[in-house]
Amino acid sequence: MSALKFCGQCNNMLCPQEDKEMRTLHYACSACEHKEVATDTCVYKRVLSRSAGEPTDVLKDTATDPTLPRTRSVRCYNCGYPEAAYFQALTKGEQGLTLYFICCSPTCGHRWRD
């Protein structure tokens, strides 16, 4: 996967451009005339993985959200940390709301539902 590329002449960010005649990918500077051939044809890649039935917007760093309520009445099944953030959300195929927990340990971030 490509990282951000910068112009060697003026340090502006290079933008991907297609050369339709040659059928190649180039990175071009919008400030000067600098161009370079792309070594990788992948411009951007995003990998998402989640459990089936889990809300799509639950992220590992959700536990650091100060607006979510927290509880010390449950322990993380993964690391045993005594604090978890929680919220309710609708789940596909189920009626009613499901209670989701996120471990507040900075190194764990395990998610489970009740």
PDB file of N, CA and C in Angstrom:
ATOM      1  N   MET A   1       0.841  -1.175   0.000  1.00  0.00           N
ATOM      2  CA  MET A   1       0.000   0.000   0.000  1.00  0.00           C
ATOM      3  C   MET A   1       0.887   1.237   0.000  1.00  0.00           C
ATOM      4  N   SER A   2       0.493   2.241  -0.768  1.00  0.00           N
ATOM      5  CA  SER A   2       1.292   3.449  -0.861  1.00  0.00           C
ATOM      6  C   SER A   2       1.065   4.369   0.330  1.00  0.00           C
ATOM      7  N   ALA A   3       2.115   5.069   0.656  1.00  0.00           N
ATOM      8  CA  ALA A   3       2.033   6.111   1.677  1.00  0.00           C
ATOM      9  C   ALA A   3       1.922   7.447   0.949  1.00  0.00           C
ATOM     10  N   LEU A   4       1.751   8.507   1.680  1.00  0.00           N
ATOM     11  CA  LEU A   4       1.715   9.824   1.049  1.00  0.00           C
ATOM     12  C   LEU A   4       3.068  10.099   0.416  1.00  0.00           C
ATOM     13  N   LYS A   5       3.038  10.701  -0.757  1.00  0.00           N
ATOM     14  CA  LYS A   5       4.274  11.024  -1.469  1.00  0.00           C
ATOM     15  C   LYS A   5       4.365  12.534  -1.606  1.00  0.00           C
ATOM     16  N   PHE A   6       5.603  13.040  -1.551  1.00  0.00           N
ATOM     17  CA  PHE A   6       5.821  14.480  -1.615  1.00  0.00           C
ATOM     18  C   PHE A   6       6.811  14.811  -2.718  1.00  0.00           C
ATOM     19  N   CYS A   7       6.635  15.980  -3.287  1.00  0.00           N
ATOM     20  CA  CYS A   7       7.467  16.463  -4.386  1.00  0.00           C
ATOM     21  C   CYS A   7       8.894  16.687  -3.888  1.00  0.00           C
ATOM     22  N   GLY A   8       9.871  16.224  -4.661  1.00  0.00           N
ATOM     23  CA  GLY A   8      11.271  16.412  -4.316  1.00  0.00           C
ATOM     24  C   GLY A   8      11.764  17.817  -4.582  1.00  0.00           C
ATOM     25  N   GLN A   9      10.999  18.612  -5.359  1.00  0.00           N
ATOM     26  CA  GLN A   9      11.429  19.966  -5.695  1.00  0.00           C
ATOM     27  C   GLN A   9      10.811  21.024  -4.785  1.00  0.00           C
ATOM     28  N   CYS A  10       9.490  20.896  -4.487  1.00  0.00           N
ATOM     29  CA  CYS A  10       8.826  21.960  -3.717  1.00  0.00           C
ATOM     30  C   CYS A  10       8.145  21.447  -2.448  1.00  0.00           C
ATOM     31  N   ASN A  11       8.244  20.157  -2.162  1.00  0.00           N
ATOM     32  CA  ASN A  11       7.700  19.532  -0.946  1.00  0.00           C
ATOM     33  C   ASN A  11       6.181  19.561  -0.829  1.00  0.00           C
ATOM     34  N   ASN A  12       5.462  19.800  -1.933  1.00  0.00           N
ATOM     35  CA  ASN A  12       4.010  19.683  -1.914  1.00  0.00           C
ATOM     36  C   ASN A  12       3.628  18.216  -2.080  1.00  0.00           C
ATOM     37  N   MET A  13       2.411  17.885  -1.671  1.00  0.00           N
ATOM     38  CA  MET A  13       1.960  16.497  -1.783  1.00  0.00           C
ATOM     39  C   MET A  13       1.723  16.142  -3.249  1.00  0.00           C
ATOM     40  N   LEU A  14       2.152  14.945  -3.644  1.00  0.00           N
ATOM     41  CA  LEU A  14       1.924  14.458  -4.995  1.00  0.00           C
ATOM     42  C   LEU A  14       0.568  13.770  -5.063  1.00  0.00           C
ATOM     43  N   CYS A  15      -0.155  14.042  -6.138  1.00  0.00           N
ATOM     44  CA  CYS A  15      -1.487  13.459  -6.340  1.00  0.00           C
ATOM     45  C   CYS A  15      -1.413  12.390  -7.424  1.00  0.00           C
ATOM     46  N   PRO A  16      -2.151  11.292  -7.256  1.00  0.00           N
ATOM     47  CA  PRO A  16      -2.141  10.251  -8.287  1.00  0.00           C
ATOM     48  C   PRO A  16      -2.866  10.732  -9.540  1.00  0.00           C
ATOM     49  N   GLN A  17      -2.287  10.424 -10.700  1.00  0.00           N
ATOM     50  CA  GLN A  17      -2.888  10.754 -11.990  1.00  0.00           C
ATOM     51  C   GLN A  17      -2.714   9.577 -12.929  1.00  0.00           C
ATOM     52  N   GLU A  18      -3.722   9.365 -13.743  1.00  0.00           N
ATOM     53  CA  GLU A  18      -3.678   8.272 -14.714  1.00  0.00           C
ATOM     54  C   GLU A  18      -3.218   8.816 -16.064  1.00  0.00           C
ATOM     55  N   ASP A  19      -2.281   8.122 -16.691  1.00  0.00           N
ATOM     56  CA  ASP A  19      -1.897   8.430 -18.065  1.00  0.00           C
ATOM     57  C   ASP A  19      -2.675   7.443 -18.935  1.00  0.00           C
ATOM     58  N   LYS A  20      -3.780   7.926 -19.544  1.00  0.00           N
ATOM     59  CA  LYS A  20      -4.678   7.031 -20.278  1.00  0.00           C
ATOM     60  C   LYS A  20      -4.044   6.465 -21.539  1.00  0.00           C
ATOM     61  N   GLU A  21      -3.178   7.226 -22.178  1.00  0.00           N
ATOM     62  CA  GLU A  21      -2.531   6.740 -23.399  1.00  0.00           C
ATOM     63  C   GLU A  21      -1.550   5.615 -23.091  1.00  0.00           C
ATOM     64  N   MET A  22      -0.721   5.791 -22.059  1.00  0.00           N
ATOM     65  CA  MET A  22       0.289   4.795 -21.709  1.00  0.00           C
ATOM     66  C   MET A  22      -0.249   3.748 -20.725  1.00  0.00           C
ATOM     67  N   ARG A  23      -1.442   3.995 -20.185  1.00  0.00           N
ATOM     68  CA  ARG A  23      -2.077   3.108 -19.207  1.00  0.00           C
ATOM     69  C   ARG A  23      -1.162   2.875 -17.995  1.00  0.00           C
ATOM     70  N   THR A  24      -0.671   3.986 -17.446  1.00  0.00           N
ATOM     71  CA  THR A  24       0.186   3.928 -16.269  1.00  0.00           C
ATOM     72  C   THR A  24      -0.300   4.931 -15.227  1.00  0.00           C
ATOM     73  N   LEU A  25       0.158   4.726 -14.022  1.00  0.00           N
ATOM     74  CA  LEU A  25      -0.182   5.622 -12.921  1.00  0.00           C
ATOM     75  C   LEU A  25       1.040   6.472 -12.601  1.00  0.00           C
ATOM     76  N   HIS A  26       0.826   7.762 -12.472  1.00  0.00           N
ATOM     77  CA  HIS A  26       1.880   8.714 -12.121  1.00  0.00           C
ATOM     78  C   HIS A  26       1.459   9.471 -10.872  1.00  0.00           C
ATOM     79  N   TYR A  27       2.447  10.007 -10.173  1.00  0.00           N
ATOM     80  CA  TYR A  27       2.194  10.953  -9.096  1.00  0.00           C
ATOM     81  C   TYR A  27       2.685  12.298  -9.586  1.00  0.00           C
ATOM     82  N   ALA A  28       1.802  13.310  -9.545  1.00  0.00           N
ATOM     83  CA  ALA A  28       2.143  14.622 -10.082  1.00  0.00           C
ATOM     84  C   ALA A  28       1.964  15.694  -9.019  1.00  0.00           C
ATOM     85  N   CYS A  29       2.831  16.681  -9.073  1.00  0.00           N
ATOM     86  CA  CYS A  29       2.761  17.819  -8.161  1.00  0.00           C
ATOM     87  C   CYS A  29       1.822  18.854  -8.774  1.00  0.00           C
ATOM     88  N   SER A  30       0.927  19.425  -7.977  1.00  0.00           N
ATOM     89  CA  SER A  30      -0.004  20.427  -8.491  1.00  0.00           C
ATOM     90  C   SER A  30       0.620  21.825  -8.506  1.00  0.00           C
ATOM     91  N   ALA A  31       1.761  22.002  -7.839  1.00  0.00           N
ATOM     92  CA  ALA A  31       2.404  23.322  -7.772  1.00  0.00           C
ATOM     93  C   ALA A  31       3.481  23.499  -8.839  1.00  0.00           C
ATOM     94  N   CYS A  32       4.189  22.418  -9.157  1.00  0.00           N
ATOM     95  CA  CYS A  32       5.237  22.512 -10.185  1.00  0.00           C
ATOM     96  C   CYS A  32       4.999  21.396 -11.207  1.00  0.00           C
ATOM     97  N   GLU A  33       5.896  21.200 -12.106  1.00  0.00           N
ATOM     98  CA  GLU A  33       5.716  20.220 -13.179  1.00  0.00           C
ATOM     99  C   GLU A  33       6.275  18.838 -12.853  1.00  0.00           C
ATOM    100  N   HIS A  34       6.661  18.613 -11.625  1.00  0.00           N
ATOM    101  CA  HIS A  34       7.287  17.341 -11.238  1.00  0.00           C
ATOM    102  C   HIS A  34       6.294  16.189 -11.349  1.00  0.00           C
ATOM    103  N   LYS A  35       6.752  15.073 -11.976  1.00  0.00           N
ATOM    104  CA  LYS A  35       5.968  13.842 -12.090  1.00  0.00           C
ATOM    105  C   LYS A  35       6.893  12.672 -11.829  1.00  0.00           C
ATOM    106  N   GLU A  36       6.334  11.609 -11.255  1.00  0.00           N
ATOM    107  CA  GLU A  36       7.096  10.372 -11.107  1.00  0.00           C
ATOM    108  C   GLU A  36       6.163   9.193 -11.313  1.00  0.00           C
ATOM    109  N   VAL A  37       6.716   8.129 -11.866  1.00  0.00           N
ATOM    110  CA  VAL A  37       5.939   6.923 -12.136  1.00  0.00           C
ATOM    111  C   VAL A  37       5.669   6.205 -10.815  1.00  0.00           C
ATOM    112  N   ALA A  38       4.445   5.743 -10.647  1.00  0.00           N
ATOM    113  CA  ALA A  38       4.078   5.027  -9.424  1.00  0.00           C
ATOM    114  C   ALA A  38       4.673   3.624  -9.452  1.00  0.00           C
ATOM    115  N   THR A  39       5.259   3.225  -8.337  1.00  0.00           N
ATOM    116  CA  THR A  39       5.836   1.883  -8.249  1.00  0.00           C
ATOM    117  C   THR A  39       4.784   0.867  -7.822  1.00  0.00           C
ATOM    118  N   ASP A  40       3.702   1.346  -7.233  1.00  0.00           N
ATOM    119  CA  ASP A  40       2.621   0.479  -6.787  1.00  0.00           C
ATOM    120  C   ASP A  40       1.322   1.049  -7.333  1.00  0.00           C
ATOM    121  N   THR A  41       0.461   0.219  -7.886  1.00  0.00           N
ATOM    122  CA  THR A  41      -0.785   0.703  -8.470  1.00  0.00           C
ATOM    123  C   THR A  41      -1.898   0.871  -7.441  1.00  0.00           C
ATOM    124  N   CYS A  42      -1.642   0.513  -6.205  1.00  0.00           N
ATOM    125  CA  CYS A  42      -2.627   0.699  -5.143  1.00  0.00           C
ATOM    126  C   CYS A  42      -2.479   2.104  -4.580  1.00  0.00           C
ATOM    127  N   VAL A  43      -3.524   2.923  -4.723  1.00  0.00           N
ATOM    128  CA  VAL A  43      -3.486   4.296  -4.238  1.00  0.00           C
ATOM    129  C   VAL A  43      -3.953   4.368  -2.795  1.00  0.00           C
ATOM    130  N   TYR A  44      -5.005   3.595  -2.445  1.00  0.00           N
ATOM    131  CA  TYR A  44      -5.547   3.627  -1.095  1.00  0.00           C
ATOM    132  C   TYR A  44      -6.184   2.280  -0.790  1.00  0.00           C
ATOM    133  N   LYS A  45      -5.975   1.803   0.427  1.00  0.00           N
ATOM    134  CA  LYS A  45      -6.553   0.530   0.833  1.00  0.00           C
ATOM    135  C   LYS A  45      -7.039   0.657   2.268  1.00  0.00           C
ATOM    136  N   ARG A  46      -8.271   0.249   2.512  1.00  0.00           N
ATOM    137  CA  ARG A  46      -8.833   0.283   3.868  1.00  0.00           C
ATOM    138  C   ARG A  46      -9.359  -1.107   4.194  1.00  0.00           C
ATOM    139  N   VAL A  47      -8.843  -1.673   5.247  1.00  0.00           N
ATOM    140  CA  VAL A  47      -9.237  -3.005   5.661  1.00  0.00           C
ATOM    141  C   VAL A  47     -10.121  -2.889   6.891  1.00  0.00           C
ATOM    142  N   LEU A  48     -11.323  -3.415   6.794  1.00  0.00           N
ATOM    143  CA  LEU A  48     -12.251  -3.415   7.911  1.00  0.00           C
ATOM    144  C   LEU A  48     -12.517  -4.848   8.329  1.00  0.00           C
ATOM    145  N   SER A  49     -12.483  -5.076   9.620  1.00  0.00           N
ATOM    146  CA  SER A  49     -12.862  -6.395  10.111  1.00  0.00           C
ATOM    147  C   SER A  49     -13.717  -6.202  11.350  1.00  0.00           C
ATOM    148  N   ARG A  50     -14.810  -6.921  11.402  1.00  0.00           N
ATOM    149  CA  ARG A  50     -15.708  -6.819  12.535  1.00  0.00           C
ATOM    150  C   ARG A  50     -16.471  -8.123  12.672  1.00  0.00           C
ATOM    151  N   SER A  51     -17.009  -8.338  13.829  1.00  0.00           N
ATOM    152  CA  SER A  51     -17.810  -9.519  14.069  1.00  0.00           C
ATOM    153  C   SER A  51     -19.166  -9.340  13.410  1.00  0.00           C
ATOM    154  N   ALA A  52     -19.753 -10.429  12.964  1.00  0.00           N
ATOM    155  CA  ALA A  52     -21.077 -10.372  12.357  1.00  0.00           C
ATOM    156  C   ALA A  52     -22.084  -9.902  13.394  1.00  0.00           C
ATOM    157  N   GLY A  53     -22.950  -9.003  12.991  1.00  0.00           N
ATOM    158  CA  GLY A  53     -23.985  -8.511  13.879  1.00  0.00           C
ATOM    159  C   GLY A  53     -23.552  -7.357  14.761  1.00  0.00           C
ATOM    160  N   GLU A  54     -22.302  -6.984  14.730  1.00  0.00           N
ATOM    161  CA  GLU A  54     -21.812  -5.872  15.548  1.00  0.00           C
ATOM    162  C   GLU A  54     -22.006  -4.580  14.780  1.00  0.00           C
ATOM    163  N   PRO A  55     -22.368  -3.487  15.458  1.00  0.00           N
ATOM    164  CA  PRO A  55     -22.522  -2.211  14.748  1.00  0.00           C
ATOM    165  C   PRO A  55     -21.235  -1.836  14.020  1.00  0.00           C
ATOM    166  N   THR A  56     -21.373  -1.282  12.817  1.00  0.00           N
ATOM    167  CA  THR A  56     -20.205  -0.988  11.984  1.00  0.00           C
ATOM    168  C   THR A  56     -19.383   0.177  12.492  1.00  0.00           C
ATOM    169  N   ASP A  57     -19.952   1.034  13.315  1.00  0.00           N
ATOM    170  CA  ASP A  57     -19.218   2.221  13.746  1.00  0.00           C
ATOM    171  C   ASP A  57     -18.532   2.047  15.095  1.00  0.00           C
ATOM    172  N   VAL A  58     -18.425   0.817  15.598  1.00  0.00           N
ATOM    173  CA  VAL A  58     -17.738   0.575  16.865  1.00  0.00           C
ATOM    174  C   VAL A  58     -16.253   0.412  16.576  1.00  0.00           C
ATOM    175  N   LEU A  59     -15.453   1.297  17.101  1.00  0.00           N
ATOM    176  CA  LEU A  59     -14.017   1.269  16.865  1.00  0.00           C
ATOM    177  C   LEU A  59     -13.286   0.933  18.155  1.00  0.00           C
ATOM    178  N   LYS A  60     -12.042   0.509  18.004  1.00  0.00           N
ATOM    179  CA  LYS A  60     -11.260   0.121  19.172  1.00  0.00           C
ATOM    180  C   LYS A  60     -11.039   1.290  20.127  1.00  0.00           C
ATOM    181  N   ASP A  61     -10.922   2.502  19.615  1.00  0.00           N
ATOM    182  CA  ASP A  61     -10.682   3.657  20.474  1.00  0.00           C
ATOM    183  C   ASP A  61     -11.966   4.263  21.037  1.00  0.00           C
ATOM    184  N   THR A  62     -13.087   3.591  20.871  1.00  0.00           N
ATOM    185  CA  THR A  62     -14.356   4.070  21.413  1.00  0.00           C
ATOM    186  C   THR A  62     -14.312   4.135  22.932  1.00  0.00           C
ATOM    187  N   ALA A  63     -13.534   3.292  23.572  1.00  0.00           N
ATOM    188  CA  ALA A  63     -13.442   3.270  25.031  1.00  0.00           C
ATOM    189  C   ALA A  63     -12.882   4.571  25.591  1.00  0.00           C
ATOM    190  N   THR A  64     -12.171   5.348  24.784  1.00  0.00           N
ATOM    191  CA  THR A  64     -11.616   6.620  25.249  1.00  0.00           C
ATOM    192  C   THR A  64     -12.598   7.779  25.089  1.00  0.00           C
ATOM    193  N   ASP A  65     -13.777   7.505  24.536  1.00  0.00           N
ATOM    194  CA  ASP A  65     -14.795   8.534  24.349  1.00  0.00           C
ATOM    195  C   ASP A  65     -15.326   8.980  25.713  1.00  0.00           C
ATOM    196  N   PRO A  66     -15.118  10.235  26.102  1.00  0.00           N
ATOM    197  CA  PRO A  66     -15.547  10.680  27.433  1.00  0.00           C
ATOM    198  C   PRO A  66     -17.058  10.795  27.583  1.00  0.00           C
ATOM    199  N   THR A  67     -17.807  10.767  26.473  1.00  0.00           N
ATOM    200  CA  THR A  67     -19.257  10.895  26.561  1.00  0.00           C
ATOM    201  C   THR A  67     -19.953   9.575  26.830  1.00  0.00           C
ATOM    202  N   LEU A  68     -19.262   8.447  26.674  1.00  0.00           N
ATOM    203  CA  LEU A  68     -19.876   7.139  26.939  1.00  0.00           C
ATOM    204  C   LEU A  68     -19.885   6.855  28.432  1.00  0.00           C
ATOM    205  N   PRO A  69     -20.978   6.267  28.927  1.00  0.00           N
ATOM    206  CA  PRO A  69     -21.000   5.892  30.342  1.00  0.00           C
ATOM    207  C   PRO A  69     -20.045   4.737  30.595  1.00  0.00           C
ATOM    208  N   ARG A  70     -19.566   4.629  31.834  1.00  0.00           N
ATOM    209  CA  ARG A  70     -18.622   3.575  32.227  1.00  0.00           C
ATOM    210  C   ARG A  70     -19.175   2.828  33.425  1.00  0.00           C
ATOM    211  N   THR A  71     -18.736   1.581  33.553  1.00  0.00           N
ATOM    212  CA  THR A  71     -19.156   0.771  34.686  1.00  0.00           C
ATOM    213  C   THR A  71     -17.967  -0.024  35.214  1.00  0.00           C
ATOM    214  N   ARG A  72     -17.994  -0.282  36.509  1.00  0.00           N
ATOM    215  CA  ARG A  72     -17.001  -1.147  37.135  1.00  0.00           C
ATOM    216  C   ARG A  72     -17.654  -2.444  37.618  1.00  0.00           C
ATOM    217  N   SER A  73     -18.901  -2.688  37.193  1.00  0.00           N
ATOM    218  CA  SER A  73     -19.615  -3.891  37.618  1.00  0.00           C
ATOM    219  C   SER A  73     -19.334  -5.090  36.714  1.00  0.00           C
ATOM    220  N   VAL A  74     -18.610  -4.896  35.616  1.00  0.00           N
ATOM    221  CA  VAL A  74     -18.221  -6.007  34.731  1.00  0.00           C
ATOM    222  C   VAL A  74     -16.711  -5.996  34.562  1.00  0.00           C
ATOM    223  N   ARG A  75     -16.144  -7.165  34.304  1.00  0.00           N
ATOM    224  CA  ARG A  75     -14.712  -7.294  34.031  1.00  0.00           C
ATOM    225  C   ARG A  75     -14.535  -7.768  32.596  1.00  0.00           C
ATOM    226  N   CYS A  76     -13.475  -7.325  31.976  1.00  0.00           N
ATOM    227  CA  CYS A  76     -13.171  -7.749  30.615  1.00  0.00           C
ATOM    228  C   CYS A  76     -12.851  -9.237  30.603  1.00  0.00           C
ATOM    229  N   TYR A  77     -13.472  -9.960  29.679  1.00  0.00           N
ATOM    230  CA  TYR A  77     -13.219 -11.405  29.558  1.00  0.00           C
ATOM    231  C   TYR A  77     -11.819 -11.679  29.011  1.00  0.00           C
ATOM    232  N   ASN A  78     -11.280 -10.713  28.297  1.00  0.00           N
ATOM    233  CA  ASN A  78      -9.993 -10.901  27.636  1.00  0.00           C
ATOM    234  C   ASN A  78      -8.804 -10.642  28.566  1.00  0.00           C
ATOM    235  N   CYS A  79      -8.847  -9.506  29.321  1.00  0.00           N
ATOM    236  CA  CYS A  79      -7.682  -9.134  30.128  1.00  0.00           C
ATOM    237  C   CYS A  79      -7.991  -8.984  31.620  1.00  0.00           C
ATOM    238  N   GLY A  80      -9.271  -9.007  31.999  1.00  0.00           N
ATOM    239  CA  GLY A  80      -9.644  -8.888  33.401  1.00  0.00           C
ATOM    240  C   GLY A  80      -9.699  -7.460  33.916  1.00  0.00           C
ATOM    241  N   TYR A  81      -9.577  -6.457  33.031  1.00  0.00           N
ATOM    242  CA  TYR A  81      -9.616  -5.050  33.452  1.00  0.00           C
ATOM    243  C   TYR A  81     -10.979  -4.753  34.075  1.00  0.00           C
ATOM    244  N   PRO A  82     -11.029  -4.018  35.200  1.00  0.00           N
ATOM    245  CA  PRO A  82     -12.285  -3.853  35.940  1.00  0.00           C
ATOM    246  C   PRO A  82     -13.199  -2.726  35.457  1.00  0.00           C
ATOM    247  N   GLU A  83     -12.919  -2.102  34.333  1.00  0.00           N
ATOM    248  CA  GLU A  83     -13.762  -0.997  33.872  1.00  0.00           C
ATOM    249  C   GLU A  83     -14.091  -1.168  32.403  1.00  0.00           C
ATOM    250  N   ALA A  84     -15.344  -0.849  32.029  1.00  0.00           N
ATOM    251  CA  ALA A  84     -15.775  -0.947  30.643  1.00  0.00           C
ATOM    252  C   ALA A  84     -16.721   0.199  30.316  1.00  0.00           C
ATOM    253  N   ALA A  85     -16.619   0.716  29.095  1.00  0.00           N
ATOM    254  CA  ALA A  85     -17.594   1.673  28.586  1.00  0.00           C
ATOM    255  C   ALA A  85     -18.716   0.856  27.960  1.00  0.00           C
ATOM    256  N   TYR A  86     -19.900   1.426  27.906  1.00  0.00           N
ATOM    257  CA  TYR A  86     -21.008   0.668  27.333  1.00  0.00           C
ATOM    258  C   TYR A  86     -21.975   1.588  26.596  1.00  0.00           C
ATOM    259  N   PHE A  87     -22.738   1.003  25.676  1.00  0.00           N
ATOM    260  CA  PHE A  87     -23.783   1.714  24.942  1.00  0.00           C
ATOM    261  C   PHE A  87     -24.774   0.694  24.413  1.00  0.00           C
ATOM    262  N   GLN A  88     -25.945   1.169  23.979  1.00  0.00           N
ATOM    263  CA  GLN A  88     -26.967   0.308  23.408  1.00  0.00           C
ATOM    264  C   GLN A  88     -27.123   0.635  21.936  1.00  0.00           C
ATOM    265  N   ALA A  89     -27.366  -0.401  21.129  1.00  0.00           N
ATOM    266  CA  ALA A  89     -27.567  -0.203  19.697  1.00  0.00           C
ATOM    267  C   ALA A  89     -28.469  -1.299  19.160  1.00  0.00           C
ATOM    268  N   LEU A  90     -29.116  -1.004  18.036  1.00  0.00           N
ATOM    269  CA  LEU A  90     -29.917  -2.012  17.348  1.00  0.00           C
ATOM    270  C   LEU A  90     -28.984  -2.970  16.628  1.00  0.00           C
ATOM    271  N   THR A  91     -29.331  -4.239  16.616  1.00  0.00           N
ATOM    272  CA  THR A  91     -28.531  -5.245  15.937  1.00  0.00           C
ATOM    273  C   THR A  91     -29.378  -5.893  14.854  1.00  0.00           C
ATOM    274  N   LYS A  92     -28.783  -6.127  13.688  1.00  0.00           N
ATOM    275  CA  LYS A  92     -29.507  -6.756  12.588  1.00  0.00           C
ATOM    276  C   LYS A  92     -30.075  -8.099  13.017  1.00  0.00           C
ATOM    277  N   GLY A  93     -31.305  -8.347  12.626  1.00  0.00           N
ATOM    278  CA  GLY A  93     -31.912  -9.647  12.878  1.00  0.00           C
ATOM    279  C   GLY A  93     -32.453  -9.833  14.281  1.00  0.00           C
ATOM    280  N   GLU A  94     -32.242  -8.887  15.176  1.00  0.00           N
ATOM    281  CA  GLU A  94     -32.737  -9.003  16.543  1.00  0.00           C
ATOM    282  C   GLU A  94     -33.715  -7.868  16.812  1.00  0.00           C
ATOM    283  N   GLN A  95     -34.677  -8.141  17.673  1.00  0.00           N
ATOM    284  CA  GLN A  95     -35.610  -7.093  18.069  1.00  0.00           C
ATOM    285  C   GLN A  95     -35.106  -6.457  19.355  1.00  0.00           C
ATOM    286  N   GLY A  96     -35.287  -5.179  19.471  1.00  0.00           N
ATOM    287  CA  GLY A  96     -34.850  -4.481  20.662  1.00  0.00           C
ATOM    288  C   GLY A  96     -33.391  -4.067  20.591  1.00  0.00           C
ATOM    289  N   LEU A  97     -32.938  -3.479  21.672  1.00  0.00           N
ATOM    290  CA  LEU A  97     -31.569  -2.981  21.748  1.00  0.00           C
ATOM    291  C   LEU A  97     -30.639  -4.016  22.367  1.00  0.00           C
ATOM    292  N   THR A  98     -29.392  -3.988  21.955  1.00  0.00           N
ATOM    293  CA  THR A  98     -28.355  -4.853  22.513  1.00  0.00           C
ATOM    294  C   THR A  98     -27.372  -3.984  23.276  1.00  0.00           C
ATOM    295  N   LEU A  99     -26.938  -4.451  24.435  1.00  0.00           N
ATOM    296  CA  LEU A  99     -25.986  -3.720  25.264  1.00  0.00           C
ATOM    297  C   LEU A  99     -24.575  -4.165  24.886  1.00  0.00           C
ATOM    298  N   TYR A 100     -23.744  -3.203  24.463  1.00  0.00           N
ATOM    299  CA  TYR A 100     -22.366  -3.470  24.067  1.00  0.00           C
ATOM    300  C   TYR A 100     -21.420  -2.914  25.115  1.00  0.00           C
ATOM    301  N   PHE A 101     -20.338  -3.650  25.398  1.00  0.00           N
ATOM    302  CA  PHE A 101     -19.296  -3.223  26.328  1.00  0.00           C
ATOM    303  C   PHE A 101     -17.974  -3.137  25.586  1.00  0.00           C
ATOM    304  N   ILE A 102     -17.135  -2.181  25.971  1.00  0.00           N
ATOM    305  CA  ILE A 102     -15.789  -2.030  25.415  1.00  0.00           C
ATOM    306  C   ILE A 102     -14.830  -1.886  26.583  1.00  0.00           C
ATOM    307  N   CYS A 103     -13.809  -2.728  26.631  1.00  0.00           N
ATOM    308  CA  CYS A 103     -12.817  -2.678  27.702  1.00  0.00           C
ATOM    309  C   CYS A 103     -12.090  -1.338  27.668  1.00  0.00           C
ATOM    310  N   CYS A 104     -11.937  -0.723  28.841  1.00  0.00           N
ATOM    311  CA  CYS A 104     -11.283   0.591  28.941  1.00  0.00           C
ATOM    312  C   CYS A 104      -9.767   0.493  29.123  1.00  0.00           C
ATOM    313  N   SER A 105      -9.230  -0.718  29.148  1.00  0.00           N
ATOM    314  CA  SER A 105      -7.781  -0.871  29.253  1.00  0.00           C
ATOM    315  C   SER A 105      -7.126  -0.296  28.003  1.00  0.00           C
ATOM    316  N   PRO A 106      -6.090   0.535  28.144  1.00  0.00           N
ATOM    317  CA  PRO A 106      -5.446   1.125  26.973  1.00  0.00           C
ATOM    318  C   PRO A 106      -4.775   0.100  26.059  1.00  0.00           C
ATOM    319  N   THR A 107      -4.493  -1.084  26.558  1.00  0.00           N
ATOM    320  CA  THR A 107      -3.813  -2.090  25.738  1.00  0.00           C
ATOM    321  C   THR A 107      -4.750  -3.158  25.194  1.00  0.00           C
ATOM    322  N   CYS A 108      -6.008  -3.205  25.647  1.00  0.00           N
ATOM    323  CA  CYS A 108      -6.903  -4.300  25.262  1.00  0.00           C
ATOM    324  C   CYS A 108      -7.938  -3.864  24.216  1.00  0.00           C
ATOM    325  N   GLY A 109      -8.962  -3.118  24.628  1.00  0.00           N
ATOM    326  CA  GLY A 109      -9.997  -2.674  23.701  1.00  0.00           C
ATOM    327  C   GLY A 109     -10.982  -3.762  23.297  1.00  0.00           C
ATOM    328  N   HIS A 110     -11.027  -4.876  24.033  1.00  0.00           N
ATOM    329  CA  HIS A 110     -11.930  -5.990  23.715  1.00  0.00           C
ATOM    330  C   HIS A 110     -13.385  -5.531  23.757  1.00  0.00           C
ATOM    331  N   ARG A 111     -14.216  -6.038  22.835  1.00  0.00           N
ATOM    332  CA  ARG A 111     -15.636  -5.689  22.778  1.00  0.00           C
ATOM    333  C   ARG A 111     -16.469  -6.938  22.977  1.00  0.00           C
ATOM    334  N   TRP A 112     -17.551  -6.801  23.704  1.00  0.00           N
ATOM    335  CA  TRP A 112     -18.494  -7.908  23.851  1.00  0.00           C
ATOM    336  C   TRP A 112     -19.883  -7.345  24.078  1.00  0.00           C
ATOM    337  N   ARG A 113     -20.877  -8.210  23.941  1.00  0.00           N
ATOM    338  CA  ARG A 113     -22.243  -7.754  24.141  1.00  0.00           C
ATOM    339  C   ARG A 113     -22.942  -8.586  25.184  1.00  0.00           C
ATOM    340  N   ASP A 114     -23.946  -8.013  25.778  1.00  0.00           N
ATOM    341  CA  ASP A 114     -24.676  -8.669  26.860  1.00  0.00           C
ATOM    342  C   ASP A 114     -25.993  -9.206  26.325  1.00  0.00           C
TER     343      ASP A 114
END
